[in-house]
Amino acid sequence: MTTMDNDRHVELSDEDIDLVKELAEARSQSNMWKKRADELRDTLMSTLSQTEATSAITAGGTPVINVQRIFTTRVNRKKLEAKYPDVFNDVAEASETRKLEIDIPVEILGVRSSM
């Protein structure tokens, strides 16, 4: 950064402007890859939701996707507010979700990554 005027504004140098442009491009690329990773994960989730796997899904005998069942309790806010504002247990609803950890072995893609 090179100069400052009376209003305490800082004027960026050409090098700093290049850095700002590079940052914007990096953020754009990051967002693009995050979106693609989300799409791939969603596709895998859709495919895997039809499986009966309870612990892992393998490729060539090597675990690639670990399957975990996660139980949660959620509050039904409408019931809580309308029926018993002070009583959580009376309106709690339990649900089950699946947590998938994807670990791609080097042997499959030549790159190890986690999503």
PDB file of N, CA and C in Angstrom:
ATOM      1  N   MET A   1       0.862  -1.161   0.000  1.00  0.00           N
ATOM      2  CA  MET A   1       0.000   0.000   0.000  1.00  0.00           C
ATOM      3  C   MET A   1       0.908   1.223   0.000  1.00  0.00           C
ATOM      4  N   THR A   2       0.528   2.216  -0.777  1.00  0.00           N
ATOM      5  CA  THR A   2       1.511   3.263  -1.017  1.00  0.00           C
ATOM      6  C   THR A   2       1.158   4.637  -0.489  1.00  0.00           C
ATOM      7  N   THR A   3      -0.062   5.121  -0.698  1.00  0.00           N
ATOM      8  CA  THR A   3      -0.343   6.499  -0.309  1.00  0.00           C
ATOM      9  C   THR A   3      -1.608   6.582   0.531  1.00  0.00           C
ATOM     10  N   MET A   4      -1.709   7.684   1.285  1.00  0.00           N
ATOM     11  CA  MET A   4      -2.877   7.916   2.110  1.00  0.00           C
ATOM     12  C   MET A   4      -3.286   9.380   1.947  1.00  0.00           C
ATOM     13  N   ASP A   5      -4.578   9.650   1.737  1.00  0.00           N
ATOM     14  CA  ASP A   5      -5.006  11.037   1.624  1.00  0.00           C
ATOM     15  C   ASP A   5      -5.521  11.533   2.974  1.00  0.00           C
ATOM     16  N   ASN A   6      -6.083  12.748   3.029  1.00  0.00           N
ATOM     17  CA  ASN A   6      -6.537  13.348   4.282  1.00  0.00           C
ATOM     18  C   ASN A   6      -7.708  12.624   4.940  1.00  0.00           C
ATOM     19  N   ASP A   7      -8.492  11.880   4.176  1.00  0.00           N
ATOM     20  CA  ASP A   7      -9.637  11.152   4.731  1.00  0.00           C
ATOM     21  C   ASP A   7      -9.254   9.784   5.271  1.00  0.00           C
ATOM     22  N   ARG A   8      -7.992   9.510   5.374  1.00  0.00           N
ATOM     23  CA  ARG A   8      -7.486   8.235   5.886  1.00  0.00           C
ATOM     24  C   ARG A   8      -7.830   7.060   4.970  1.00  0.00           C
ATOM     25  N   HIS A   9      -8.022   7.328   3.702  1.00  0.00           N
ATOM     26  CA  HIS A   9      -8.207   6.262   2.723  1.00  0.00           C
ATOM     27  C   HIS A   9      -6.840   5.802   2.265  1.00  0.00           C
ATOM     28  N   VAL A  10      -6.724   4.535   2.027  1.00  0.00           N
ATOM     29  CA  VAL A  10      -5.457   3.976   1.564  1.00  0.00           C
ATOM     30  C   VAL A  10      -5.599   3.616   0.103  1.00  0.00           C
ATOM     31  N   GLU A  11      -4.652   4.061  -0.678  1.00  0.00           N
ATOM     32  CA  GLU A  11      -4.632   3.751  -2.107  1.00  0.00           C
ATOM     33  C   GLU A  11      -3.797   2.497  -2.320  1.00  0.00           C
ATOM     34  N   LEU A  12      -4.381   1.516  -2.964  1.00  0.00           N
ATOM     35  CA  LEU A  12      -3.662   0.278  -3.210  1.00  0.00           C
ATOM     36  C   LEU A  12      -2.645   0.443  -4.331  1.00  0.00           C
ATOM     37  N   SER A  13      -1.526  -0.205  -4.153  1.00  0.00           N
ATOM     38  CA  SER A  13      -0.524  -0.216  -5.225  1.00  0.00           C
ATOM     39  C   SER A  13      -0.991  -1.205  -6.294  1.00  0.00           C
ATOM     40  N   ASP A  14      -0.358  -1.167  -7.444  1.00  0.00           N
ATOM     41  CA  ASP A  14      -0.695  -2.113  -8.509  1.00  0.00           C
ATOM     42  C   ASP A  14      -0.505  -3.551  -8.031  1.00  0.00           C
ATOM     43  N   GLU A  15       0.536  -3.779  -7.241  1.00  0.00           N
ATOM     44  CA  GLU A  15       0.776  -5.121  -6.704  1.00  0.00           C
ATOM     45  C   GLU A  15      -0.357  -5.549  -5.780  1.00  0.00           C
ATOM     46  N   ASP A  16      -0.819  -4.620  -4.941  1.00  0.00           N
ATOM     47  CA  ASP A  16      -1.922  -4.937  -4.025  1.00  0.00           C
ATOM     48  C   ASP A  16      -3.218  -5.199  -4.789  1.00  0.00           C
ATOM     49  N   ILE A  17      -3.447  -4.450  -5.840  1.00  0.00           N
ATOM     50  CA  ILE A  17      -4.633  -4.663  -6.671  1.00  0.00           C
ATOM     51  C   ILE A  17      -4.582  -6.055  -7.289  1.00  0.00           C
ATOM     52  N   ASP A  18      -3.384  -6.458  -7.733  1.00  0.00           N
ATOM     53  CA  ASP A  18      -3.228  -7.811  -8.271  1.00  0.00           C
ATOM     54  C   ASP A  18      -3.553  -8.859  -7.215  1.00  0.00           C
ATOM     55  N   LEU A  19      -3.138  -8.603  -5.970  1.00  0.00           N
ATOM     56  CA  LEU A  19      -3.444  -9.529  -4.879  1.00  0.00           C
ATOM     57  C   LEU A  19      -4.954  -9.598  -4.623  1.00  0.00           C
ATOM     58  N   VAL A  20      -5.620  -8.466  -4.673  1.00  0.00           N
ATOM     59  CA  VAL A  20      -7.072  -8.430  -4.489  1.00  0.00           C
ATOM     60  C   VAL A  20      -7.764  -9.223  -5.593  1.00  0.00           C
ATOM     61  N   LYS A  21      -7.300  -9.045  -6.814  1.00  0.00           N
ATOM     62  CA  LYS A  21      -7.866  -9.797  -7.936  1.00  0.00           C
ATOM     63  C   LYS A  21      -7.633 -11.291  -7.764  1.00  0.00           C
ATOM     64  N   GLU A  22      -6.423 -11.648  -7.340  1.00  0.00           N
ATOM     65  CA  GLU A  22      -6.102 -13.058  -7.131  1.00  0.00           C
ATOM     66  C   GLU A  22      -6.955 -13.653  -6.011  1.00  0.00           C
ATOM     67  N   LEU A  23      -7.160 -12.877  -4.952  1.00  0.00           N
ATOM     68  CA  LEU A  23      -8.022 -13.336  -3.860  1.00  0.00           C
ATOM     69  C   LEU A  23      -9.446 -13.570  -4.347  1.00  0.00           C
ATOM     70  N   ALA A  24      -9.967 -12.637  -5.134  1.00  0.00           N
ATOM     71  CA  ALA A  24     -11.322 -12.786  -5.668  1.00  0.00           C
ATOM     72  C   ALA A  24     -11.425 -14.037  -6.529  1.00  0.00           C
ATOM     73  N   GLU A  25     -10.425 -14.288  -7.358  1.00  0.00           N
ATOM     74  CA  GLU A  25     -10.410 -15.479  -8.211  1.00  0.00           C
ATOM     75  C   GLU A  25     -10.328 -16.743  -7.364  1.00  0.00           C
ATOM     76  N   ALA A  26      -9.476 -16.720  -6.327  1.00  0.00           N
ATOM     77  CA  ALA A  26      -9.338 -17.886  -5.453  1.00  0.00           C
ATOM     78  C   ALA A  26     -10.651 -18.176  -4.741  1.00  0.00           C
ATOM     79  N   ARG A  27     -11.327 -17.132  -4.280  1.00  0.00           N
ATOM     80  CA  ARG A  27     -12.631 -17.325  -3.618  1.00  0.00           C
ATOM     81  C   ARG A  27     -13.659 -17.878  -4.598  1.00  0.00           C
ATOM     82  N   SER A  28     -13.635 -17.384  -5.817  1.00  0.00           N
ATOM     83  CA  SER A  28     -14.562 -17.868  -6.835  1.00  0.00           C
ATOM     84  C   SER A  28     -14.312 -19.345  -7.123  1.00  0.00           C
ATOM     85  N   GLN A  29     -13.034 -19.695  -7.284  1.00  0.00           N
ATOM     86  CA  GLN A  29     -12.671 -21.091  -7.532  1.00  0.00           C
ATOM     87  C   GLN A  29     -13.061 -21.958  -6.337  1.00  0.00           C
ATOM     88  N   SER A  30     -12.815 -21.457  -5.135  1.00  0.00           N
ATOM     89  CA  SER A  30     -13.167 -22.202  -3.929  1.00  0.00           C
ATOM     90  C   SER A  30     -14.673 -22.465  -3.875  1.00  0.00           C
ATOM     91  N   ASN A  31     -15.461 -21.443  -4.172  1.00  0.00           N
ATOM     92  CA  ASN A  31     -16.914 -21.605  -4.176  1.00  0.00           C
ATOM     93  C   ASN A  31     -17.355 -22.601  -5.239  1.00  0.00           C
ATOM     94  N   MET A  32     -16.714 -22.545  -6.410  1.00  0.00           N
ATOM     95  CA  MET A  32     -17.053 -23.467  -7.488  1.00  0.00           C
ATOM     96  C   MET A  32     -16.766 -24.908  -7.060  1.00  0.00           C
ATOM     97  N   TRP A  33     -15.584 -25.133  -6.474  1.00  0.00           N
ATOM     98  CA  TRP A  33     -15.221 -26.488  -6.056  1.00  0.00           C
ATOM     99  C   TRP A  33     -16.073 -26.954  -4.887  1.00  0.00           C
ATOM    100  N   LYS A  34     -16.436 -26.051  -3.986  1.00  0.00           N
ATOM    101  CA  LYS A  34     -17.318 -26.433  -2.876  1.00  0.00           C
ATOM    102  C   LYS A  34     -18.677 -26.860  -3.418  1.00  0.00           C
ATOM    103  N   LYS A  35     -19.194 -26.101  -4.382  1.00  0.00           N
ATOM    104  CA  LYS A  35     -20.477 -26.458  -4.986  1.00  0.00           C
ATOM    105  C   LYS A  35     -20.394 -27.825  -5.651  1.00  0.00           C
ATOM    106  N   ARG A  36     -19.290 -28.078  -6.381  1.00  0.00           N
ATOM    107  CA  ARG A  36     -19.121 -29.370  -7.056  1.00  0.00           C
ATOM    108  C   ARG A  36     -19.009 -30.498  -6.031  1.00  0.00           C
ATOM    109  N   ALA A  37     -18.250 -30.272  -4.963  1.00  0.00           N
ATOM    110  CA  ALA A  37     -18.115 -31.282  -3.907  1.00  0.00           C
ATOM    111  C   ALA A  37     -19.478 -31.578  -3.281  1.00  0.00           C
ATOM    112  N   ASP A  38     -20.287 -30.543  -3.052  1.00  0.00           N
ATOM    113  CA  ASP A  38     -21.630 -30.737  -2.498  1.00  0.00           C
ATOM    114  C   ASP A  38     -22.501 -31.553  -3.452  1.00  0.00           C
ATOM    115  N   GLU A  39     -22.401 -31.262  -4.753  1.00  0.00           N
ATOM    116  CA  GLU A  39     -23.177 -32.020  -5.745  1.00  0.00           C
ATOM    117  C   GLU A  39     -22.766 -33.492  -5.746  1.00  0.00           C
ATOM    118  N   LEU A  40     -21.457 -33.744  -5.716  1.00  0.00           N
ATOM    119  CA  LEU A  40     -20.960 -35.120  -5.702  1.00  0.00           C
ATOM    120  C   LEU A  40     -21.388 -35.845  -4.436  1.00  0.00           C
ATOM    121  N   ARG A  41     -21.274 -35.165  -3.292  1.00  0.00           N
ATOM    122  CA  ARG A  41     -21.697 -35.755  -2.020  1.00  0.00           C
ATOM    123  C   ARG A  41     -23.177 -36.093  -2.052  1.00  0.00           C
ATOM    124  N   ASP A  42     -24.000 -35.166  -2.576  1.00  0.00           N
ATOM    125  CA  ASP A  42     -25.437 -35.401  -2.652  1.00  0.00           C
ATOM    126  C   ASP A  42     -25.761 -36.593  -3.555  1.00  0.00           C
ATOM    127  N   THR A  43     -25.038 -36.719  -4.668  1.00  0.00           N
ATOM    128  CA  THR A  43     -25.242 -37.853  -5.567  1.00  0.00           C
ATOM    129  C   THR A  43     -24.881 -39.155  -4.863  1.00  0.00           C
ATOM    130  N   LEU A  44     -23.733 -39.159  -4.176  1.00  0.00           N
ATOM    131  CA  LEU A  44     -23.342 -40.349  -3.420  1.00  0.00           C
ATOM    132  C   LEU A  44     -24.354 -40.670  -2.318  1.00  0.00           C
ATOM    133  N   MET A  45     -24.808 -39.651  -1.617  1.00  0.00           N
ATOM    134  CA  MET A  45     -25.795 -39.850  -0.544  1.00  0.00           C
ATOM    135  C   MET A  45     -27.059 -40.471  -1.110  1.00  0.00           C
ATOM    136  N   SER A  46     -27.499 -40.003  -2.257  1.00  0.00           N
ATOM    137  CA  SER A  46     -28.702 -40.540  -2.878  1.00  0.00           C
ATOM    138  C   SER A  46     -28.503 -42.009  -3.236  1.00  0.00           C
ATOM    139  N   THR A  47     -27.370 -42.313  -3.832  1.00  0.00           N
ATOM    140  CA  THR A  47     -27.063 -43.696  -4.205  1.00  0.00           C
ATOM    141  C   THR A  47     -26.929 -44.570  -2.961  1.00  0.00           C
ATOM    142  N   LEU A  48     -26.211 -44.052  -1.978  1.00  0.00           N
ATOM    143  CA  LEU A  48     -25.932 -44.848  -0.789  1.00  0.00           C
ATOM    144  C   LEU A  48     -27.131 -45.002   0.129  1.00  0.00           C
ATOM    145  N   SER A  49     -28.104 -44.109   0.007  1.00  0.00           N
ATOM    146  CA  SER A  49     -29.288 -44.233   0.859  1.00  0.00           C
ATOM    147  C   SER A  49     -30.062 -45.499   0.535  1.00  0.00           C
ATOM    148  N   GLN A  50     -29.783 -46.089  -0.625  1.00  0.00           N
ATOM    149  CA  GLN A  50     -30.455 -47.314  -1.038  1.00  0.00           C
ATOM    150  C   GLN A  50     -29.690 -48.562  -0.585  1.00  0.00           C
ATOM    151  N   THR A  51     -28.511 -48.400   0.028  1.00  0.00           N
ATOM    152  CA  THR A  51     -27.726 -49.556   0.456  1.00  0.00           C
ATOM    153  C   THR A  51     -28.122 -49.991   1.855  1.00  0.00           C
ATOM    154  N   GLU A  52     -27.716 -51.188   2.187  1.00  0.00           N
ATOM    155  CA  GLU A  52     -27.960 -51.733   3.514  1.00  0.00           C
ATOM    156  C   GLU A  52     -26.701 -51.709   4.371  1.00  0.00           C
ATOM    157  N   ALA A  53     -25.661 -51.011   3.924  1.00  0.00           N
ATOM    158  CA  ALA A  53     -24.400 -50.979   4.668  1.00  0.00           C
ATOM    159  C   ALA A  53     -24.625 -50.381   6.047  1.00  0.00           C
ATOM    160  N   THR A  54     -24.001 -50.993   7.055  1.00  0.00           N
ATOM    161  CA  THR A  54     -24.155 -50.497   8.416  1.00  0.00           C
ATOM    162  C   THR A  54     -22.866 -49.936   8.998  1.00  0.00           C
ATOM    163  N   SER A  55     -21.704 -50.196   8.353  1.00  0.00           N
ATOM    164  CA  SER A  55     -20.461 -49.662   8.894  1.00  0.00           C
ATOM    165  C   SER A  55     -19.538 -49.062   7.847  1.00  0.00           C
ATOM    166  N   ALA A  56     -19.470 -49.669   6.654  1.00  0.00           N
ATOM    167  CA  ALA A  56     -18.550 -49.137   5.640  1.00  0.00           C
ATOM    168  C   ALA A  56     -18.965 -49.608   4.252  1.00  0.00           C
ATOM    169  N   ILE A  57     -18.563 -48.823   3.267  1.00  0.00           N
ATOM    170  CA  ILE A  57     -18.733 -49.179   1.869  1.00  0.00           C
ATOM    171  C   ILE A  57     -17.323 -49.223   1.304  1.00  0.00           C
ATOM    172  N   THR A  58     -17.000 -50.301   0.602  1.00  0.00           N
ATOM    173  CA  THR A  58     -15.628 -50.522   0.189  1.00  0.00           C
ATOM    174  C   THR A  58     -15.454 -50.435  -1.318  1.00  0.00           C
ATOM    175  N   ALA A  59     -14.210 -50.237  -1.734  1.00  0.00           N
ATOM    176  CA  ALA A  59     -13.800 -50.310  -3.142  1.00  0.00           C
ATOM    177  C   ALA A  59     -12.573 -51.199  -3.161  1.00  0.00           C
ATOM    178  N   GLY A  60     -12.677 -52.335  -3.810  1.00  0.00           N
ATOM    179  CA  GLY A  60     -11.562 -53.276  -3.832  1.00  0.00           C
ATOM    180  C   GLY A  60     -11.207 -53.793  -2.452  1.00  0.00           C
ATOM    181  N   GLY A  61     -12.192 -53.884  -1.568  1.00  0.00           N
ATOM    182  CA  GLY A  61     -11.961 -54.370  -0.212  1.00  0.00           C
ATOM    183  C   GLY A  61     -11.469 -53.313   0.753  1.00  0.00           C
ATOM    184  N   THR A  62     -11.165 -52.113   0.269  1.00  0.00           N
ATOM    185  CA  THR A  62     -10.685 -51.022   1.122  1.00  0.00           C
ATOM    186  C   THR A  62     -11.850 -50.113   1.479  1.00  0.00           C
ATOM    187  N   PRO A  63     -12.073 -49.882   2.791  1.00  0.00           N
ATOM    188  CA  PRO A  63     -13.161 -48.968   3.165  1.00  0.00           C
ATOM    189  C   PRO A  63     -12.946 -47.576   2.580  1.00  0.00           C
ATOM    190  N   VAL A  64     -13.962 -47.078   1.886  1.00  0.00           N
ATOM    191  CA  VAL A  64     -13.913 -45.747   1.271  1.00  0.00           C
ATOM    192  C   VAL A  64     -14.891 -44.818   1.976  1.00  0.00           C
ATOM    193  N   ILE A  65     -16.044 -45.333   2.344  1.00  0.00           N
ATOM    194  CA  ILE A  65     -17.072 -44.532   2.996  1.00  0.00           C
ATOM    195  C   ILE A  65     -17.481 -45.234   4.286  1.00  0.00           C
ATOM    196  N   ASN A  66     -17.312 -44.538   5.393  1.00  0.00           N
ATOM    197  CA  ASN A  66     -17.744 -45.064   6.680  1.00  0.00           C
ATOM    198  C   ASN A  66     -19.167 -44.601   6.947  1.00  0.00           C
ATOM    199  N   VAL A  67     -19.992 -45.517   7.398  1.00  0.00           N
ATOM    200  CA  VAL A  67     -21.404 -45.220   7.658  1.00  0.00           C
ATOM    201  C   VAL A  67     -21.629 -45.214   9.159  1.00  0.00           C
ATOM    202  N   GLN A  68     -22.229 -44.148   9.662  1.00  0.00           N
ATOM    203  CA  GLN A  68     -22.589 -44.073  11.074  1.00  0.00           C
ATOM    204  C   GLN A  68     -24.039 -43.651  11.176  1.00  0.00           C
ATOM    205  N   ARG A  69     -24.762 -44.275  12.057  1.00  0.00           N
ATOM    206  CA  ARG A  69     -26.122 -43.834  12.347  1.00  0.00           C
ATOM    207  C   ARG A  69     -26.038 -42.872  13.522  1.00  0.00           C
ATOM    208  N   ILE A  70     -26.690 -41.749  13.376  1.00  0.00           N
ATOM    209  CA  ILE A  70     -26.668 -40.725  14.405  1.00  0.00           C
ATOM    210  C   ILE A  70     -28.102 -40.429  14.813  1.00  0.00           C
ATOM    211  N   PHE A  71     -28.377 -40.544  16.089  1.00  0.00           N
ATOM    212  CA  PHE A  71     -29.708 -40.266  16.600  1.00  0.00           C
ATOM    213  C   PHE A  71     -29.706 -38.878  17.244  1.00  0.00           C
ATOM    214  N   THR A  72     -30.716 -38.104  16.946  1.00  0.00           N
ATOM    215  CA  THR A  72     -30.830 -36.769  17.524  1.00  0.00           C
ATOM    216  C   THR A  72     -32.233 -36.572  18.069  1.00  0.00           C
ATOM    217  N   THR A  73     -32.352 -35.645  18.974  1.00  0.00           N
ATOM    218  CA  THR A  73     -33.648 -35.252  19.504  1.00  0.00           C
ATOM    219  C   THR A  73     -33.844 -33.788  19.157  1.00  0.00           C
ATOM    220  N   ARG A  74     -34.972 -33.490  18.575  1.00  0.00           N
ATOM    221  CA  ARG A  74     -35.263 -32.118  18.169  1.00  0.00           C
ATOM    222  C   ARG A  74     -36.553 -31.650  18.836  1.00  0.00           C
ATOM    223  N   VAL A  75     -36.598 -30.379  19.128  1.00  0.00           N
ATOM    224  CA  VAL A  75     -37.776 -29.796  19.742  1.00  0.00           C
ATOM    225  C   VAL A  75     -38.730 -29.320  18.654  1.00  0.00           C
ATOM    226  N   ASN A  76     -39.994 -29.725  18.762  1.00  0.00           N
ATOM    227  CA  ASN A  76     -41.030 -29.212  17.890  1.00  0.00           C
ATOM    228  C   ASN A  76     -41.505 -27.904  18.527  1.00  0.00           C
ATOM    229  N   ARG A  77     -41.010 -26.812  17.983  1.00  0.00           N
ATOM    230  CA  ARG A  77     -41.226 -25.507  18.600  1.00  0.00           C
ATOM    231  C   ARG A  77     -42.706 -25.146  18.700  1.00  0.00           C
ATOM    232  N   LYS A  78     -43.477 -25.468  17.661  1.00  0.00           N
ATOM    233  CA  LYS A  78     -44.914 -25.123  17.694  1.00  0.00           C
ATOM    234  C   LYS A  78     -45.618 -25.819  18.848  1.00  0.00           C
ATOM    235  N   LYS A  79     -45.302 -27.109  19.033  1.00  0.00           N
ATOM    236  CA  LYS A  79     -45.914 -27.825  20.158  1.00  0.00           C
ATOM    237  C   LYS A  79     -45.473 -27.240  21.494  1.00  0.00           C
ATOM    238  N   LEU A  80     -44.173 -26.965  21.581  1.00  0.00           N
ATOM    239  CA  LEU A  80     -43.628 -26.434  22.828  1.00  0.00           C
ATOM    240  C   LEU A  80     -44.292 -25.113  23.195  1.00  0.00           C
ATOM    241  N   GLU A  81     -44.388 -24.207  22.244  1.00  0.00           N
ATOM    242  CA  GLU A  81     -44.986 -22.894  22.515  1.00  0.00           C
ATOM    243  C   GLU A  81     -46.475 -22.990  22.798  1.00  0.00           C
ATOM    244  N   ALA A  82     -47.194 -23.836  22.053  1.00  0.00           N
ATOM    245  CA  ALA A  82     -48.646 -23.919  22.200  1.00  0.00           C
ATOM    246  C   ALA A  82     -49.087 -24.737  23.404  1.00  0.00           C
ATOM    247  N   LYS A  83     -48.372 -25.830  23.684  1.00  0.00           N
ATOM    248  CA  LYS A  83     -48.852 -26.763  24.691  1.00  0.00           C
ATOM    249  C   LYS A  83     -48.186 -26.600  26.053  1.00  0.00           C
ATOM    250  N   TYR A  84     -46.874 -26.706  26.125  1.00  0.00           N
ATOM    251  CA  TYR A  84     -46.137 -26.660  27.394  1.00  0.00           C
ATOM    252  C   TYR A  84     -44.855 -25.850  27.245  1.00  0.00           C
ATOM    253  N   PRO A  85     -44.926 -24.576  27.392  1.00  0.00           N
ATOM    254  CA  PRO A  85     -43.736 -23.748  27.196  1.00  0.00           C
ATOM    255  C   PRO A  85     -42.540 -24.159  28.052  1.00  0.00           C
ATOM    256  N   ASP A  86     -42.767 -24.755  29.200  1.00  0.00           N
ATOM    257  CA  ASP A  86     -41.657 -25.090  30.098  1.00  0.00           C
ATOM    258  C   ASP A  86     -41.299 -26.584  30.125  1.00  0.00           C
ATOM    259  N   VAL A  87     -41.932 -27.401  29.320  1.00  0.00           N
ATOM    260  CA  VAL A  87     -41.697 -28.841  29.405  1.00  0.00           C
ATOM    261  C   VAL A  87     -41.122 -29.386  28.094  1.00  0.00           C
ATOM    262  N   PHE A  88     -39.812 -29.570  28.071  1.00  0.00           N
ATOM    263  CA  PHE A  88     -39.141 -30.043  26.863  1.00  0.00           C
ATOM    264  C   PHE A  88     -39.480 -31.495  26.525  1.00  0.00           C
ATOM    265  N   ASN A  89     -39.400 -32.374  27.497  1.00  0.00           N
ATOM    266  CA  ASN A  89     -39.545 -33.802  27.224  1.00  0.00           C
ATOM    267  C   ASN A  89     -40.902 -34.187  26.651  1.00  0.00           C
ATOM    268  N   ASP A  90     -41.933 -33.432  26.939  1.00  0.00           N
ATOM    269  CA  ASP A  90     -43.262 -33.765  26.464  1.00  0.00           C
ATOM    270  C   ASP A  90     -43.427 -33.556  24.962  1.00  0.00           C
ATOM    271  N   VAL A  91     -42.583 -32.716  24.377  1.00  0.00           N
ATOM    272  CA  VAL A  91     -42.751 -32.403  22.958  1.00  0.00           C
ATOM    273  C   VAL A  91     -41.535 -32.761  22.106  1.00  0.00           C
ATOM    274  N   ALA A  92     -40.543 -33.457  22.695  1.00  0.00           N
ATOM    275  CA  ALA A  92     -39.347 -33.822  21.943  1.00  0.00           C
ATOM    276  C   ALA A  92     -39.679 -34.903  20.913  1.00  0.00           C
ATOM    277  N   GLU A  93     -39.063 -34.804  19.745  1.00  0.00           N
ATOM    278  CA  GLU A  93     -39.233 -35.798  18.691  1.00  0.00           C
ATOM    279  C   GLU A  93     -37.858 -36.336  18.329  1.00  0.00           C
ATOM    280  N   ALA A  94     -37.709 -37.653  18.285  1.00  0.00           N
ATOM    281  CA  ALA A  94     -36.432 -38.276  17.941  1.00  0.00           C
ATOM    282  C   ALA A  94     -36.374 -38.531  16.442  1.00  0.00           C
ATOM    283  N   SER A  95     -35.176 -38.449  15.891  1.00  0.00           N
ATOM    284  CA  SER A  95     -34.980 -38.753  14.477  1.00  0.00           C
ATOM    285  C   SER A  95     -33.641 -39.467  14.309  1.00  0.00           C
ATOM    286  N   GLU A  96     -33.452 -40.065  13.165  1.00  0.00           N
ATOM    287  CA  GLU A  96     -32.214 -40.775  12.859  1.00  0.00           C
ATOM    288  C   GLU A  96     -31.654 -40.233  11.550  1.00  0.00           C
ATOM    289  N   THR A  97     -30.342 -40.016  11.512  1.00  0.00           N
ATOM    290  CA  THR A  97     -29.667 -39.598  10.281  1.00  0.00           C
ATOM    291  C   THR A  97     -28.470 -40.499  10.055  1.00  0.00           C
ATOM    292  N   ARG A  98     -27.881 -40.412   8.877  1.00  0.00           N
ATOM    293  CA  ARG A  98     -26.661 -41.160   8.565  1.00  0.00           C
ATOM    294  C   ARG A  98     -25.534 -40.176   8.331  1.00  0.00           C
ATOM    295  N   LYS A  99     -24.394 -40.463   8.913  1.00  0.00           N
ATOM    296  CA  LYS A  99     -23.203 -39.638   8.710  1.00  0.00           C
ATOM    297  C   LYS A  99     -22.233 -40.443   7.861  1.00  0.00           C
ATOM    298  N   LEU A 100     -21.814 -39.883   6.736  1.00  0.00           N
ATOM    299  CA  LEU A 100     -20.875 -40.558   5.845  1.00  0.00           C
ATOM    300  C   LEU A 100     -19.558 -39.800   5.851  1.00  0.00           C
ATOM    301  N   GLU A 101     -18.460 -40.524   6.060  1.00  0.00           N
ATOM    302  CA  GLU A 101     -17.125 -39.952   5.945  1.00  0.00           C
ATOM    303  C   GLU A 101     -16.500 -40.560   4.704  1.00  0.00           C
ATOM    304  N   ILE A 102     -16.142 -39.728   3.757  1.00  0.00           N
ATOM    305  CA  ILE A 102     -15.586 -40.213   2.501  1.00  0.00           C
ATOM    306  C   ILE A 102     -14.080 -40.010   2.512  1.00  0.00           C
ATOM    307  N   ASP A 103     -13.329 -41.110   2.408  1.00  0.00           N
ATOM    308  CA  ASP A 103     -11.879 -41.069   2.390  1.00  0.00           C
ATOM    309  C   ASP A 103     -11.436 -41.835   1.149  1.00  0.00           C
ATOM    310  N   ILE A 104     -10.955 -41.121   0.155  1.00  0.00           N
ATOM    311  CA  ILE A 104     -10.594 -41.737  -1.120  1.00  0.00           C
ATOM    312  C   ILE A 104      -9.130 -42.174  -1.060  1.00  0.00           C
ATOM    313  N   PRO A 105      -8.861 -43.478  -1.093  1.00  0.00           N
ATOM    314  CA  PRO A 105      -7.477 -43.956  -1.019  1.00  0.00           C
ATOM    315  C   PRO A 105      -6.663 -43.535  -2.239  1.00  0.00           C
ATOM    316  N   VAL A 106      -5.366 -43.372  -2.026  1.00  0.00           N
ATOM    317  CA  VAL A 106      -4.448 -42.972  -3.089  1.00  0.00           C
ATOM    318  C   VAL A 106      -4.511 -43.966  -4.243  1.00  0.00           C
ATOM    319  N   GLU A 107      -4.699 -45.230  -3.938  1.00  0.00           N
ATOM    320  CA  GLU A 107      -4.705 -46.259  -4.976  1.00  0.00           C
ATOM    321  C   GLU A 107      -5.839 -46.054  -5.965  1.00  0.00           C
ATOM    322  N   ILE A 108      -6.920 -45.417  -5.538  1.00  0.00           N
ATOM    323  CA  ILE A 108      -8.076 -45.239  -6.421  1.00  0.00           C
ATOM    324  C   ILE A 108      -7.897 -44.033  -7.334  1.00  0.00           C
ATOM    325  N   LEU A 109      -7.534 -42.888  -6.767  1.00  0.00           N
ATOM    326  CA  LEU A 109      -7.435 -41.669  -7.577  1.00  0.00           C
ATOM    327  C   LEU A 109      -6.037 -41.079  -7.645  1.00  0.00           C
ATOM    328  N   GLY A 110      -5.149 -41.565  -6.850  1.00  0.00           N
ATOM    329  CA  GLY A 110      -3.817 -40.978  -6.808  1.00  0.00           C
ATOM    330  C   GLY A 110      -3.755 -39.759  -5.909  1.00  0.00           C
ATOM    331  N   VAL A 111      -4.883 -39.411  -5.285  1.00  0.00           N
ATOM    332  CA  VAL A 111      -4.970 -38.267  -4.388  1.00  0.00           C
ATOM    333  C   VAL A 111      -5.769 -38.690  -3.176  1.00  0.00           C
ATOM    334  N   ARG A 112      -5.358 -38.317  -2.002  1.00  0.00           N
ATOM    335  CA  ARG A 112      -6.108 -38.638  -0.785  1.00  0.00           C
ATOM    336  C   ARG A 112      -6.836 -37.378  -0.340  1.00  0.00           C
ATOM    337  N   SER A 113      -8.146 -37.493  -0.161  1.00  0.00           N
ATOM    338  CA  SER A 113      -8.912 -36.327   0.278  1.00  0.00           C
ATOM    339  C   SER A 113     -10.033 -36.787   1.166  1.00  0.00           C
ATOM    340  N   SER A 114     -10.596 -35.846   1.922  1.00  0.00           N
ATOM    341  CA  SER A 114     -11.763 -36.125   2.763  1.00  0.00           C
ATOM    342  C   SER A 114     -12.813 -35.081   2.481  1.00  0.00           C
ATOM    343  N   MET A 115     -14.091 -35.493   2.489  1.00  0.00           N
ATOM    344  CA  MET A 115     -15.210 -34.565   2.296  1.00  0.00           C
ATOM    345  C   MET A 115     -16.072 -34.635   3.513  1.00  0.00           C
TER     346      MET A 115
END
